[in-house]
C-alpha atoms as a PDB file:
ATOM      1  CA  UNK A   1       0.403  -0.509   0.099  1.00  0.00           C
ATOM      2  CA  UNK A   2       2.414   2.789   1.445  1.00  0.00           C
ATOM      3  CA  UNK A   3       4.354   2.146  -2.601  1.00  0.00           C
ATOM      4  CA  UNK A   4       0.358   3.095  -3.857  1.00  0.00           C
ATOM      5  CA  UNK A   5       0.128   5.508  -1.821  1.00  0.00           C
ATOM      6  CA  UNK A   6       3.466   6.864  -3.050  1.00  0.00           C
ATOM      7  CA  UNK A   7       2.090   6.727  -6.786  1.00  0.00           C
ATOM      8  CA  UNK A   8      -0.624   9.182  -5.712  1.00  0.00           C
ATOM      9  CA  UNK A   9       0.950  11.689  -4.580  1.00  0.00           C
ATOM     10  CA  UNK A  10       3.440  11.539  -7.271  1.00  0.00           C
ATOM     11  CA  UNK A  11       0.700  12.308 -10.067  1.00  0.00           C
ATOM     12  CA  UNK A  12      -1.371  14.340  -7.640  1.00  0.00           C
ATOM     13  CA  UNK A  13       1.378  16.762  -6.836  1.00  0.00           C
ATOM     14  CA  UNK A  14       1.958  17.143 -10.603  1.00  0.00           C
ATOM     15  CA  UNK A  15      -2.458  17.302 -11.101  1.00  0.00           C
ATOM     16  CA  UNK A  16      -2.422  20.105  -7.491  1.00  0.00           C
ATOM     17  CA  UNK A  17      -2.049  23.286  -9.569  1.00  0.00           C
ATOM     18  CA  UNK A  18      -3.632  22.187 -13.062  1.00  0.00           C
ATOM     19  CA  UNK A  19      -7.138  20.433 -11.236  1.00  0.00           C
ATOM     20  CA  UNK A  20      -9.929  21.878 -10.292  1.00  0.00           C
ATOM     21  CA  UNK A  21      -9.593  22.645  -6.150  1.00  0.00           C
ATOM     22  CA  UNK A  22     -12.612  20.167  -5.214  1.00  0.00           C
ATOM     23  CA  UNK A  23     -11.992  18.010  -9.031  1.00  0.00           C
ATOM     24  CA  UNK A  24      -8.497  17.343  -7.090  1.00  0.00           C
ATOM     25  CA  UNK A  25     -10.229  16.294  -3.553  1.00  0.00           C
ATOM     26  CA  UNK A  26     -12.241  14.093  -5.243  1.00  0.00           C
ATOM     27  CA  UNK A  27     -10.239  11.745  -7.514  1.00  0.00           C
ATOM     28  CA  UNK A  28      -7.898  11.671  -4.293  1.00  0.00           C
ATOM     29  CA  UNK A  29     -10.153  10.544  -1.790  1.00  0.00           C
ATOM     30  CA  UNK A  30     -11.199   7.518  -4.617  1.00  0.00           C
ATOM     31  CA  UNK A  31      -7.651   6.753  -4.617  1.00  0.00           C
ATOM     32  CA  UNK A  32      -7.921   6.285  -0.740  1.00  0.00           C
ATOM     33  CA  UNK A  33     -11.000   4.368  -0.089  1.00  0.00           C
ATOM     34  CA  UNK A  34     -11.613   2.811  -2.909  1.00  0.00           C
ATOM     35  CA  UNK A  35      -9.803   1.810  -6.379  1.00  0.00           C
ATOM     36  CA  UNK A  36      -6.031   3.075  -6.316  1.00  0.00           C
ATOM     37  CA  UNK A  37      -4.982   2.461 -10.328  1.00  0.00           C
ATOM     38  CA  UNK A  38      -8.037   3.559 -11.584  1.00  0.00           C
ATOM     39  CA  UNK A  39      -7.776   6.765  -9.823  1.00  0.00           C
ATOM     40  CA  UNK A  40      -4.102   6.933 -11.272  1.00  0.00           C
ATOM     41  CA  UNK A  41      -5.640   6.099 -14.637  1.00  0.00           C
ATOM     42  CA  UNK A  42      -8.379   9.308 -13.669  1.00  0.00           C
ATOM     43  CA  UNK A  43      -5.759  11.954 -12.960  1.00  0.00           C
ATOM     44  CA  UNK A  44      -3.167  11.333 -15.352  1.00  0.00           C
ATOM     45  CA  UNK A  45      -6.519  11.813 -17.404  1.00  0.00           C
ATOM     46  CA  UNK A  46      -7.419  14.752 -15.960  1.00  0.00           C
ATOM     47  CA  UNK A  47      -3.639  15.747 -17.005  1.00  0.00           C
ATOM     48  CA  UNK A  48      -4.341  14.736 -20.205  1.00  0.00           C
ATOM     49  CA  UNK A  49      -7.019  17.811 -21.264  1.00  0.00           C
ATOM     50  CA  UNK A  50      -5.179  20.614 -19.141  1.00  0.00           C
ATOM     51  CA  UNK A  51      -2.256  20.033 -21.522  1.00  0.00           C
ATOM     52  CA  UNK A  52      -3.790  20.084 -24.147  1.00  0.00           C
ATOM     53  CA  UNK A  53      -5.926  22.678 -23.157  1.00  0.00           C
ATOM     54  CA  UNK A  54      -2.440  24.600 -22.772  1.00  0.00           C
ATOM     55  CA  UNK A  55      -0.722  23.980 -26.341  1.00  0.00           C
ATOM     56  CA  UNK A  56      -1.540  26.670 -27.906  1.00  0.00           C
ATOM     57  CA  UNK A  57      -3.354  26.214 -31.862  1.00  0.00           C
ATOM     58  CA  UNK A  58      -0.836  25.522 -34.851  1.00  0.00           C
ATOM     59  CA  UNK A  59      -0.675  28.080 -37.614  1.00  0.00           C
ATOM     60  CA  UNK A  60      -2.191  26.010 -40.802  1.00  0.00           C
ATOM     61  CA  UNK A  61      -1.627  28.500 -44.037  1.00  0.00           C
ATOM     62  CA  UNK A  62      -4.626  28.701 -45.926  1.00  0.00           C
ATOM     63  CA  UNK A  63      -4.989  26.445 -49.460  1.00  0.00           C
ATOM     64  CA  UNK A  64      -4.200  28.725 -52.156  1.00  0.00           C
END
């Protein structure tokens, strides 16, 4: 169990600044009470969504 908790802490540290506080608390609670790997996957998905939002759109020149 400590190893799993360490995983949660590592992922959640990355996530803490980037997801709303309510979402963060909810996922960490599920991680502690229920299925840990599932919660980690959920956190990573949210992290991915946030990263995609941050990316600037690439400039695509219009076709002639």
